[in-house]
Amino acid sequence: MAIRDYSVEYNPDVLSCLANLSNDEVFTPPSIVNQMLDLLPQDLFSDPNVTFLDPACKTGVFLREIAKRLIAGLAEQIPDLQQRIDHIFHNQLFGIAITEMTSLLSRRSIYCSKYPNSIFSVTNFNDVTGNIRYKNIPHLWKDRKCIFCGASEKEYRRDESLETHAYEFIHTIHPERIFNDMKFDVIIGNPPYQLSDGGGTGKSARPIYQLFIEQSKKLRPRYISMIIPSRWFSGGKGLDEFRTSMLSDKHIRVLVDYDNFKEVFPGVDLAGGACYFLWDRDNLGKCEVTNISGNTKNTMIRELNEFNTFIRQNQAIQIVKKIDSKGFCKFLNEVVSSRMPFGIPSTYKPIESGIPCYFTQRIGLKYVYQKDVSDSMNILNKWKLLIPKAPIAGQTDFSKPVGFYHEGNIRIAKPGECCSESWLVAGAFETKEEAESYKSYLFTKVVRFLLLQTVVSQNITRKNFCFIPDLGYYHGKYTDKMLCKEWGITDEEWLYIDSKILEINGDENA
């Protein structure tokens, strides 16, 4: 029988045990909060004049962990514990809750009472909010969308008793007025990730975390640190300008990137992983980028905008540079089609006869009206290699070997056949042999590794092929051994590539 050791007391942190509100409003584990606080100059926590703001309080964990450091750091300057606590909570820590519920939760975490004017609060305020404010403000609608966050009026024009998710920090053109023109030294937190904008045929999510970062920069604090999804690396819906701004911002001095979202937020699964960063107002330079995948950590000092597309993995940079140095004239982002190559949406209702059309992988080959088929690239009457626009559906952990393409999810379309928007045309050729040769090229691990460097979601677009050279497809089958020799890839580099890419149907392809 096992004997319990009563000398070891298990006392878990309650904030590490809370269930999340949703996939886009997740509670930050205290361990991650402290990793982010470790990025800051630690003398900040010994300065009684430094101010901190969390503009998106959920559990209050950021302000709570800051309070712990300040209580220790100011012990000599303010010896009396109660005076020290009063000074810290009244003058140094400020927060804006995202909902009424999280305002109560945050105050309970920080003041030990959801009402800081009660006898249970560790410090006394004259009102029920303290320095953790929540204001139920409306969206401002124009053309059925909020002009501040892009939320859908249909989704979020609600009864007054319901949350509208109009977050105060990003629903104003004057964020400095929220706390009466107060200056903040540090803005830190985990903002909400997205809201529905009502687009498409169903619910459509518009990212909003970038708005919290942009609003924070307007306040010109000394430091900004936020944890957000890594999807912004490749831009996309509402993120293209933000991505360009972030990658060219020399104030970003540290970027810590996790392949797997679950490594940061257990129980939450978002494709593309998560990252946090340190923005330093007064110090410009290169960025210290750290990749974390399981127990593996790799750090490199580099420029974030060295390439037009951000290369996520430090170890991949030298491989990409080596291949790029070969002087290829053309890359596959100029070859692969754009979305909806023949103008056929995935919602199109097939007919009994007409132009053969590949719909989804599940539906297969059906027919569409000839009048509905557009052929702006003049490829309808060629042999076409079709690849799914979401080849890794369900894949959210990019630290695992990624297959991308396999025999079951690609098609070679004959002359006269088209496809719906569920597919991209990877290439079009005069002969079937060229299409087969091209397919073998895409199936190599080296090529799929180059593709992996730009992927942070389940969808693939033509821009993801920007590092893959366009070669000739007449000689037959391509192999990894052939490409490694031609491109000068070393044994060590090959081992790294091989560790990241899944075998195709057990075929070594080398």
Protein backbone atom coordinates (compact mmCIF):
# COMPACT_ATOMS: atom_id res chain seq x y z
CA MET A 1 0.00 0.00 0.00
CA ALA A 2 1.32 3.44 -0.93
CA ILE A 3 2.09 5.68 2.02
CA ARG A 4 1.19 9.35 1.65
CA ASP A 5 3.90 11.85 2.53
CA TYR A 6 2.08 14.39 4.71
CA SER A 7 5.19 16.60 4.84
CA VAL A 8 4.55 17.59 1.22
CA GLU A 9 1.62 20.00 0.95
CA TYR A 10 -0.13 20.34 -2.41
CA ASN A 11 -1.53 23.83 -2.81
CA PRO A 12 -2.39 24.51 -6.45
CA ASP A 13 -2.92 28.03 -7.77
CA VAL A 14 -6.65 28.37 -8.37
CA LEU A 15 -6.05 30.58 -11.42
CA SER A 16 -4.21 27.73 -13.13
CA CYS A 17 -7.26 25.49 -12.69
CA LEU A 18 -10.03 27.65 -14.15
CA ALA A 19 -11.88 26.57 -17.26
CA ASN A 20 -11.67 29.00 -20.16
CA LEU A 21 -14.51 31.23 -21.28
CA SER A 22 -14.14 30.21 -24.92
CA ASN A 23 -11.49 29.41 -27.53
CA ASP A 24 -10.92 33.11 -28.14
CA GLU A 25 -11.11 34.39 -24.56
CA VAL A 26 -8.70 32.18 -22.68
CA PHE A 27 -7.37 32.48 -19.16
CA THR A 28 -3.60 32.86 -18.95
CA PRO A 29 -1.78 30.36 -16.71
CA PRO A 30 0.28 32.05 -13.95
CA SER A 31 3.44 30.31 -15.20
CA ILE A 32 3.15 32.00 -18.61
CA VAL A 33 2.40 35.36 -16.98
CA ASN A 34 5.63 35.11 -15.01
CA GLN A 35 7.61 34.20 -18.11
CA MET A 36 6.30 37.39 -19.69
CA LEU A 37 7.12 39.43 -16.59
CA ASP A 38 10.63 37.99 -16.64
CA LEU A 39 11.19 39.78 -19.97
CA LEU A 40 10.82 43.16 -18.29
CA PRO A 41 13.74 44.91 -16.54
CA GLN A 42 13.38 43.64 -13.00
CA ASP A 43 14.26 47.00 -11.44
CA LEU A 44 10.77 48.11 -12.48
CA PHE A 45 9.44 46.15 -9.52
CA SER A 46 11.56 48.20 -7.10
CA ASP A 47 10.30 51.54 -8.37
CA PRO A 48 7.28 52.97 -6.49
CA ASN A 49 6.45 55.26 -9.43
CA VAL A 50 6.13 52.63 -12.18
CA THR A 51 2.56 52.03 -13.37
CA PHE A 52 1.07 48.90 -14.96
CA LEU A 53 -2.08 48.45 -17.05
CA ASP A 54 -3.85 45.26 -18.12
CA PRO A 55 -6.35 46.44 -20.76
CA ALA A 56 -8.13 43.06 -20.98
CA CYS A 57 -8.52 41.65 -17.46
CA LYS A 58 -10.09 38.22 -17.18
CA THR A 59 -8.82 36.59 -13.97
CA GLY A 60 -6.59 39.43 -12.81
CA VAL A 61 -3.58 37.11 -12.95
CA PHE A 62 -1.28 39.64 -14.62
CA LEU A 63 -1.89 42.30 -11.98
CA ARG A 64 -1.77 39.75 -9.19
CA GLU A 65 1.66 38.47 -10.24
CA ILE A 66 2.91 42.04 -10.69
CA ALA A 67 1.65 42.84 -7.20
CA LYS A 68 3.67 39.95 -5.76
CA ARG A 69 6.85 41.31 -7.33
CA LEU A 70 6.16 44.87 -6.21
CA ILE A 71 5.42 43.78 -2.65
CA ALA A 72 8.83 42.10 -2.53
CA GLY A 73 10.66 44.78 -4.50
CA LEU A 74 9.42 47.76 -2.44
CA ALA A 75 9.97 46.17 0.98
CA GLU A 76 12.95 48.38 1.81
CA GLN A 77 11.42 51.60 0.53
CA ILE A 78 8.03 51.04 2.19
CA PRO A 79 8.73 48.75 5.19
CA ASP A 80 5.18 48.70 6.54
CA LEU A 81 3.33 45.94 4.66
CA GLN A 82 -0.10 47.55 4.75
CA GLN A 83 1.24 50.89 3.56
CA ARG A 84 3.10 49.09 0.79
CA ILE A 85 -0.01 47.20 -0.32
CA ASP A 86 -2.09 50.39 -0.24
CA HIS A 87 0.47 52.25 -2.33
CA ILE A 88 0.80 49.46 -4.92
CA PHE A 89 -2.90 48.81 -5.39
CA HIS A 90 -3.95 52.46 -5.40
CA ASN A 91 -1.10 53.99 -7.41
CA GLN A 92 0.60 51.35 -9.54
CA LEU A 93 -1.86 48.69 -10.71
CA PHE A 94 -4.73 49.35 -13.12
CA GLY A 95 -6.98 47.15 -15.21
CA ILE A 96 -9.90 47.19 -17.64
CA ALA A 97 -12.08 44.08 -17.44
CA ILE A 98 -13.57 42.61 -20.60
CA THR A 99 -16.92 41.66 -19.00
CA GLU A 100 -18.75 42.33 -15.76
CA MET A 101 -18.06 38.78 -14.61
CA THR A 102 -14.32 39.06 -15.22
CA SER A 103 -14.26 42.40 -13.39
CA LEU A 104 -15.52 40.62 -10.27
CA LEU A 105 -13.11 37.74 -10.78
CA SER A 106 -10.17 40.10 -11.27
CA ARG A 107 -10.97 42.15 -8.17
CA ARG A 108 -11.30 38.94 -6.16
CA SER A 109 -7.86 37.83 -7.36
CA ILE A 110 -6.17 41.16 -6.68
CA TYR A 111 -7.99 42.69 -3.70
CA CYS A 112 -9.15 39.36 -2.20
CA SER A 113 -12.68 40.72 -2.50
CA LYS A 114 -14.86 41.39 -5.52
CA TYR A 115 -15.83 44.64 -3.79
CA PRO A 116 -12.70 46.59 -2.81
CA ASN A 117 -14.68 48.89 -0.52
CA SER A 118 -15.71 45.97 1.70
CA ILE A 119 -14.13 44.86 4.98
CA PHE A 120 -12.70 41.80 3.21
CA SER A 121 -10.52 43.77 0.78
CA VAL A 122 -6.79 43.82 1.55
CA THR A 123 -6.80 47.51 0.68
CA ASN A 124 -9.68 49.94 0.99
CA PHE A 125 -11.21 51.92 -1.86
CA ASN A 126 -14.16 54.30 -1.70
CA ASP A 127 -16.07 52.50 -4.47
CA VAL A 128 -16.86 49.00 -5.68
CA THR A 129 -14.45 49.03 -8.63
CA GLY A 130 -11.10 50.09 -7.21
CA ASN A 131 -8.64 50.37 -10.09
CA ILE A 132 -10.25 47.48 -12.01
CA ARG A 133 -12.90 49.17 -14.07
CA TYR A 134 -15.64 47.76 -16.26
CA LYS A 135 -17.97 49.89 -18.32
CA ASN A 136 -20.76 48.41 -20.41
CA ILE A 137 -20.42 50.41 -23.60
CA PRO A 138 -22.16 49.86 -26.95
CA HIS A 139 -20.74 49.11 -30.34
CA LEU A 140 -21.02 51.92 -32.86
CA TRP A 141 -22.73 50.54 -35.95
CA LYS A 142 -22.20 51.59 -39.54
CA ASP A 143 -23.22 49.44 -42.51
CA ARG A 144 -24.12 46.67 -40.04
CA LYS A 145 -20.63 46.47 -38.55
CA CYS A 146 -18.97 48.15 -35.59
CA ILE A 147 -16.64 50.92 -36.79
CA PHE A 148 -14.18 50.14 -33.99
CA CYS A 149 -13.89 46.33 -34.00
CA GLY A 150 -15.77 45.15 -37.12
CA ALA A 151 -18.24 43.02 -35.12
CA SER A 152 -21.49 42.05 -36.84
CA GLU A 153 -24.54 44.06 -35.81
CA LYS A 154 -26.66 40.94 -36.32
CA GLU A 155 -24.51 39.00 -33.86
CA TYR A 156 -23.92 41.62 -31.17
CA ARG A 157 -26.91 44.01 -31.07
CA ARG A 158 -28.28 42.39 -27.94
CA ASP A 159 -30.58 42.93 -25.01
CA GLU A 160 -29.04 45.17 -22.34
CA SER A 161 -28.86 42.20 -19.95
CA LEU A 162 -26.47 40.34 -22.29
CA GLU A 163 -22.78 40.91 -22.91
CA THR A 164 -22.12 42.76 -26.16
CA HIS A 165 -18.33 42.24 -26.06
CA ALA A 166 -17.69 45.89 -26.91
CA TYR A 167 -14.35 46.15 -25.14
CA GLU A 168 -13.77 49.62 -23.73
CA PHE A 169 -10.05 49.84 -24.51
CA ILE A 170 -10.55 49.47 -28.28
CA HIS A 171 -13.89 51.29 -28.58
CA THR A 172 -12.52 54.79 -28.30
CA ILE A 173 -10.27 57.07 -30.30
CA HIS A 174 -8.91 58.49 -27.05
CA PRO A 175 -7.68 55.57 -24.91
CA GLU A 176 -5.66 57.99 -22.78
CA ARG A 177 -8.91 59.41 -21.38
CA ILE A 178 -9.99 56.11 -19.82
CA PHE A 179 -7.80 56.79 -16.79
CA ASN A 180 -7.80 60.61 -17.03
CA ASP A 181 -4.65 61.02 -19.11
CA MET A 182 -2.61 58.81 -16.80
CA LYS A 183 0.74 57.64 -18.17
CA PHE A 184 1.54 53.93 -18.02
CA ASP A 185 5.02 52.46 -18.02
CA VAL A 186 3.95 48.89 -18.81
CA ILE A 187 0.89 47.60 -20.70
CA ILE A 188 0.59 43.85 -20.46
CA GLY A 189 -2.10 41.22 -20.96
CA ASN A 190 -3.91 38.61 -23.00
CA PRO A 191 -6.52 40.33 -25.19
CA PRO A 192 -9.64 38.70 -26.65
CA TYR A 193 -8.81 37.10 -29.97
CA GLN A 194 -11.78 37.48 -32.30
CA LEU A 195 -15.41 38.46 -32.84
CA SER A 196 -17.90 37.41 -35.49
CA ASP A 197 -18.21 39.87 -38.36
CA GLY A 198 -21.09 37.98 -39.95
CA GLY A 199 -19.20 37.33 -43.18
CA GLY A 200 -19.53 34.35 -45.47
CA THR A 201 -22.39 31.89 -45.46
CA GLY A 202 -22.06 31.20 -41.75
CA LYS A 203 -20.27 32.70 -38.81
CA SER A 204 -17.06 34.49 -39.67
CA ALA A 205 -14.41 35.47 -37.16
CA ARG A 206 -12.53 38.76 -37.39
CA PRO A 207 -9.36 38.98 -35.29
CA ILE A 208 -9.34 41.83 -32.76
CA TYR A 209 -6.23 41.18 -30.66
CA GLN A 210 -4.21 43.41 -32.98
CA LEU A 211 -6.48 46.34 -32.04
CA PHE A 212 -5.39 46.05 -28.39
CA ILE A 213 -1.73 46.21 -29.44
CA GLU A 214 -2.25 49.15 -31.77
CA GLN A 215 -4.23 51.00 -29.09
CA SER A 216 -1.50 50.29 -26.54
CA LYS A 217 1.13 51.83 -28.82
CA LYS A 218 -0.93 55.04 -28.95
CA LEU A 219 -0.39 55.43 -25.21
CA ARG A 220 3.41 55.28 -25.67
CA PRO A 221 4.25 53.20 -22.61
CA ARG A 222 7.82 52.16 -21.99
CA TYR A 223 6.98 48.49 -22.52
CA ILE A 224 4.21 46.41 -24.09
CA SER A 225 3.92 42.66 -23.66
CA MET A 226 0.96 40.62 -24.88
CA ILE A 227 0.26 36.99 -25.62
CA ILE A 228 -1.69 36.36 -28.82
CA PRO A 229 -2.25 33.70 -31.53
CA SER A 230 0.69 33.28 -33.92
CA ARG A 231 -1.55 33.45 -36.98
CA TRP A 232 -0.59 37.06 -37.56
CA PHE A 233 2.79 35.85 -38.86
CA SER A 234 1.23 35.22 -42.28
CA GLY A 235 -1.35 38.03 -42.21
CA GLY A 236 -4.82 37.26 -43.50
CA LYS A 237 -8.23 38.62 -42.62
CA GLY A 238 -7.80 41.99 -40.93
CA LEU A 239 -4.13 41.28 -40.18
CA ASP A 240 -2.12 42.24 -43.26
CA GLU A 241 -1.35 45.81 -42.20
CA PHE A 242 -0.77 44.73 -38.62
CA ARG A 243 1.64 42.00 -39.75
CA THR A 244 3.62 44.46 -41.87
CA SER A 245 3.77 46.92 -38.99
CA MET A 246 4.87 44.33 -36.45
CA LEU A 247 7.56 42.75 -38.62
CA SER A 248 9.09 46.14 -39.41
CA ASP A 249 8.85 47.42 -35.82
CA LYS A 250 12.39 47.58 -34.39
CA HIS A 251 10.93 48.15 -30.92
CA ILE A 252 9.99 44.44 -30.72
CA ARG A 253 13.04 43.06 -28.96
CA VAL A 254 11.78 39.62 -27.86
CA LEU A 255 9.39 37.18 -29.54
CA VAL A 256 8.63 33.79 -27.95
CA ASP A 257 6.71 31.46 -30.27
CA TYR A 258 5.03 28.15 -29.36
CA ASP A 259 4.18 25.71 -32.18
CA ASN A 260 1.33 24.22 -30.20
CA PHE A 261 -1.35 26.42 -28.64
CA LYS A 262 -2.00 23.74 -26.01
CA GLU A 263 1.52 24.14 -24.64
CA VAL A 264 0.51 27.62 -23.48
CA PHE A 265 -3.20 27.13 -22.86
CA PRO A 266 -3.97 23.52 -21.89
CA GLY A 267 -7.37 22.42 -23.12
CA VAL A 268 -7.60 25.07 -25.84
CA ASP A 269 -6.83 24.14 -29.44
CA LEU A 270 -6.23 26.91 -31.98
CA ALA A 271 -4.32 26.28 -35.19
CA GLY A 272 -0.96 27.97 -35.54
CA GLY A 273 0.21 28.17 -31.94
CA ALA A 274 0.68 31.18 -29.67
CA CYS A 275 3.34 33.79 -29.05
CA TYR A 276 4.19 36.62 -26.71
CA PHE A 277 6.49 39.57 -27.27
CA LEU A 278 8.24 42.48 -25.60
CA TRP A 279 7.96 45.92 -27.19
CA ASP A 280 10.54 48.40 -25.87
CA ARG A 281 9.87 52.07 -26.62
CA ASP A 282 13.36 53.35 -25.91
CA ASN A 283 15.52 50.58 -27.39
CA LEU A 284 15.48 49.64 -31.05
CA GLY A 285 17.30 46.74 -32.65
CA LYS A 286 17.07 43.16 -33.81
CA CYS A 287 14.67 40.72 -32.18
CA GLU A 288 15.52 37.74 -30.02
CA VAL A 289 13.27 35.01 -31.46
CA THR A 290 12.73 31.85 -29.45
CA ASN A 291 10.95 28.81 -30.92
CA ILE A 292 9.46 26.36 -28.43
CA SER A 293 8.24 22.94 -29.52
CA GLY A 294 7.72 20.48 -26.70
CA ASN A 295 11.00 20.26 -24.79
CA THR A 296 12.96 21.82 -27.66
CA LYS A 297 13.91 25.50 -27.51
CA ASN A 298 15.88 27.43 -30.10
CA THR A 299 16.86 31.12 -29.87
CA MET A 300 18.30 33.42 -32.54
CA ILE A 301 18.84 37.18 -32.83
CA ARG A 302 17.43 38.26 -36.19
CA GLU A 303 15.47 40.75 -38.25
CA LEU A 304 11.76 39.95 -38.32
CA ASN A 305 11.30 41.41 -41.81
CA GLU A 306 14.32 39.78 -43.44
CA PHE A 307 11.96 38.06 -45.91
CA ASN A 308 8.65 39.18 -47.38
CA THR A 309 7.11 36.20 -45.58
CA PHE A 310 8.05 35.64 -41.95
CA ILE A 311 10.06 32.46 -41.43
CA ARG A 312 8.88 31.12 -38.13
CA GLN A 313 11.53 28.53 -37.32
CA ASN A 314 15.07 29.76 -36.62
CA GLN A 315 16.63 26.52 -37.83
CA ALA A 316 14.86 26.84 -41.17
CA ILE A 317 16.33 30.24 -42.05
CA GLN A 318 19.71 28.97 -43.25
CA ILE A 319 18.04 26.32 -45.40
CA VAL A 320 15.74 28.86 -47.02
CA LYS A 321 18.67 31.24 -47.57
CA LYS A 322 20.76 28.48 -49.12
CA ILE A 323 18.05 27.57 -51.63
CA ASP A 324 17.26 31.21 -52.38
CA SER A 325 20.94 31.89 -53.09
CA LYS A 326 20.80 29.52 -56.09
CA GLY A 327 19.31 32.38 -58.10
CA PHE A 328 16.02 30.85 -59.23
CA CYS A 329 14.03 33.13 -61.50
CA LYS A 330 10.59 31.98 -60.44
CA PHE A 331 8.87 30.51 -57.38
CA LEU A 332 5.63 28.59 -57.05
CA ASN A 333 3.66 31.51 -55.60
CA GLU A 334 3.64 32.74 -59.21
CA VAL A 335 2.40 29.35 -60.46
CA VAL A 336 -0.26 28.22 -57.97
CA SER A 337 -3.72 29.64 -58.63
CA SER A 338 -5.57 32.08 -56.45
CA ARG A 339 -8.75 31.16 -54.58
CA MET A 340 -11.68 29.93 -56.72
CA PRO A 341 -9.63 29.28 -59.89
CA PHE A 342 -12.69 28.61 -62.06
CA GLY A 343 -15.20 30.84 -60.32
CA ILE A 344 -17.13 27.92 -58.78
CA PRO A 345 -17.95 28.45 -55.07
CA SER A 346 -18.06 25.45 -52.74
CA THR A 347 -21.79 26.15 -52.21
CA TYR A 348 -22.54 25.57 -55.92
CA LYS A 349 -25.27 22.97 -56.46
CA PRO A 350 -24.01 20.31 -58.94
CA ILE A 351 -26.07 19.37 -62.02
CA GLU A 352 -26.46 16.05 -63.84
CA SER A 353 -24.35 16.91 -66.88
CA GLY A 354 -22.10 19.70 -68.10
CA ILE A 355 -18.48 20.62 -67.35
CA PRO A 356 -16.88 18.01 -65.03
CA CYS A 357 -15.95 19.68 -61.75
CA TYR A 358 -14.16 18.44 -58.67
CA PHE A 359 -16.02 19.66 -55.60
CA THR A 360 -14.87 18.64 -52.13
CA GLN A 361 -12.78 15.54 -51.51
CA ARG A 362 -15.88 13.86 -50.11
CA ILE A 363 -18.24 14.74 -53.00
CA GLY A 364 -15.77 14.07 -55.80
CA LEU A 365 -16.36 14.74 -59.50
CA LYS A 366 -19.74 16.29 -60.43
CA TYR A 367 -20.92 18.74 -63.10
CA VAL A 368 -21.51 22.48 -63.46
CA TYR A 369 -22.97 24.71 -66.16
CA GLN A 370 -20.44 25.78 -68.79
CA LYS A 371 -21.64 29.39 -68.48
CA ASP A 372 -20.60 29.42 -64.81
CA VAL A 373 -17.00 28.37 -65.47
CA SER A 374 -14.44 31.14 -65.83
CA ASP A 375 -11.00 30.43 -67.28
CA SER A 376 -8.96 33.59 -66.88
CA MET A 377 -5.69 31.61 -66.73
CA ASN A 378 -6.48 29.57 -69.87
CA ILE A 379 -5.87 26.28 -68.09
CA LEU A 380 -9.22 24.49 -68.46
CA ASN A 381 -7.97 22.42 -71.40
CA LYS A 382 -4.67 21.46 -69.74
CA TRP A 383 -3.68 18.71 -67.31
CA LYS A 384 -4.02 20.19 -63.83
CA LEU A 385 -2.68 19.18 -60.44
CA LEU A 386 -5.36 20.04 -57.85
CA ILE A 387 -4.48 20.45 -54.19
CA PRO A 388 -6.93 21.15 -51.35
CA LYS A 389 -6.88 24.65 -49.90
CA ALA A 390 -7.15 23.06 -46.45
CA PRO A 391 -4.81 20.04 -46.74
CA ILE A 392 -4.24 19.80 -42.99
CA ALA A 393 -7.80 20.19 -41.75
CA GLY A 394 -7.86 19.31 -38.06
CA GLN A 395 -4.10 19.84 -37.75
CA THR A 396 -3.42 22.48 -35.12
CA ASP A 397 -0.17 21.28 -33.58
CA PHE A 398 2.56 22.27 -36.02
CA SER A 399 5.25 20.79 -33.78
CA LYS A 400 4.14 17.41 -35.07
CA PRO A 401 5.37 16.08 -38.44
CA VAL A 402 3.03 17.57 -41.03
CA GLY A 403 1.98 15.67 -44.13
CA PHE A 404 0.26 18.44 -46.12
CA TYR A 405 -0.27 16.39 -49.26
CA HIS A 406 -0.77 12.68 -49.82
CA GLU A 407 -2.25 10.41 -52.48
CA GLY A 408 -5.74 10.69 -51.00
CA ASN A 409 -6.08 14.46 -51.01
CA ILE A 410 -4.79 15.54 -54.44
CA ARG A 411 -6.28 15.09 -57.90
CA ILE A 412 -4.92 15.22 -61.44
CA ALA A 413 -7.69 16.82 -63.47
CA LYS A 414 -7.90 16.02 -67.18
CA PRO A 415 -8.25 18.62 -69.92
CA GLY A 416 -11.81 19.97 -69.81
CA GLU A 417 -12.22 19.34 -66.07
CA CYS A 418 -12.39 22.15 -63.49
CA CYS A 419 -12.71 22.46 -59.71
CA SER A 420 -14.56 24.40 -57.03
CA GLU A 421 -12.98 26.80 -54.55
CA SER A 422 -12.23 23.84 -52.27
CA TRP A 423 -9.18 23.30 -54.45
CA LEU A 424 -6.22 25.28 -55.74
CA VAL A 425 -4.67 24.55 -59.11
CA ALA A 426 -1.05 23.91 -58.15
CA GLY A 427 0.04 23.80 -61.78
CA ALA A 428 -1.25 23.26 -65.32
CA PHE A 429 0.58 21.32 -68.06
CA GLU A 430 0.34 20.11 -71.63
CA THR A 431 0.90 16.45 -70.69
CA LYS A 432 -0.06 14.10 -67.90
CA GLU A 433 3.60 13.14 -67.48
CA GLU A 434 4.49 16.73 -66.56
CA ALA A 435 1.68 16.81 -64.02
CA GLU A 436 2.92 13.55 -62.48
CA SER A 437 6.49 14.89 -62.34
CA TYR A 438 5.28 18.08 -60.68
CA LYS A 439 3.30 16.03 -58.16
CA SER A 440 6.42 14.09 -57.20
CA TYR A 441 8.18 17.43 -56.67
CA LEU A 442 5.47 18.68 -54.29
CA PHE A 443 5.54 15.35 -52.48
CA THR A 444 9.22 15.61 -51.54
CA LYS A 445 9.92 16.41 -47.91
CA VAL A 446 12.20 19.28 -48.87
CA VAL A 447 9.43 21.06 -50.79
CA ARG A 448 6.82 20.42 -48.10
CA PHE A 449 9.29 21.71 -45.52
CA LEU A 450 9.65 24.97 -47.47
CA LEU A 451 5.87 25.22 -47.56
CA LEU A 452 5.64 24.57 -43.81
CA GLN A 453 7.68 27.68 -43.06
CA THR A 454 4.82 29.96 -44.06
CA VAL A 455 1.89 27.98 -42.64
CA VAL A 456 0.18 29.03 -39.41
CA SER A 457 -3.38 27.87 -40.09
CA GLN A 458 -5.23 25.00 -41.72
CA ASN A 459 -5.66 26.89 -45.00
CA ILE A 460 -3.07 27.23 -47.76
CA THR A 461 -2.95 30.03 -50.35
CA ARG A 462 -0.61 30.74 -53.25
CA LYS A 463 1.54 33.04 -51.11
CA ASN A 464 2.53 30.06 -48.94
CA PHE A 465 4.57 28.71 -51.88
CA CYS A 466 6.92 31.71 -52.03
CA PHE A 467 10.06 29.78 -50.96
CA ILE A 468 9.62 26.87 -53.40
CA PRO A 469 11.52 27.24 -56.71
CA ASP A 470 9.70 26.53 -59.97
CA LEU A 471 11.66 23.84 -61.84
CA GLY A 472 11.17 21.93 -65.09
CA TYR A 473 8.92 18.87 -64.97
CA TYR A 474 10.04 16.73 -67.88
CA HIS A 475 12.59 14.30 -66.47
CA GLY A 476 10.28 12.13 -64.36
CA LYS A 477 10.09 11.62 -60.63
CA TYR A 478 11.72 14.03 -58.18
CA THR A 479 13.30 12.70 -54.99
CA ASP A 480 14.65 14.28 -51.83
CA LYS A 481 18.07 12.81 -52.54
CA MET A 482 18.10 14.61 -55.86
CA LEU A 483 17.05 17.97 -54.38
CA CYS A 484 19.46 17.75 -51.44
CA LYS A 485 22.34 17.19 -53.82
CA GLU A 486 21.27 19.93 -56.24
CA TRP A 487 20.61 22.51 -53.50
CA GLY A 488 23.55 21.61 -51.25
CA ILE A 489 21.49 20.54 -48.25
CA THR A 490 23.77 18.98 -45.63
CA ASP A 491 23.13 15.75 -43.71
CA GLU A 492 22.40 17.77 -40.56
CA GLU A 493 19.93 20.00 -42.41
CA TRP A 494 18.28 16.96 -43.92
CA LEU A 495 17.81 15.38 -40.48
CA TYR A 496 16.02 18.54 -39.35
CA ILE A 497 13.79 18.54 -42.45
CA ASP A 498 13.08 14.85 -42.04
CA SER A 499 12.03 15.35 -38.39
CA LYS A 500 9.40 17.91 -39.37
CA ILE A 501 7.68 16.26 -42.30
CA LEU A 502 5.54 13.13 -42.29
CA GLU A 503 6.13 10.24 -44.68
CA ILE A 504 3.63 9.92 -47.53
CA ASN A 505 1.94 6.51 -47.51
CA GLY A 506 5.12 5.00 -46.08
CA ASP A 507 7.11 6.06 -49.15
CA GLU A 508 10.55 7.36 -48.17
CA ASN A 509 10.62 9.37 -51.43
CA ALA A 510 14.40 9.60 -51.30
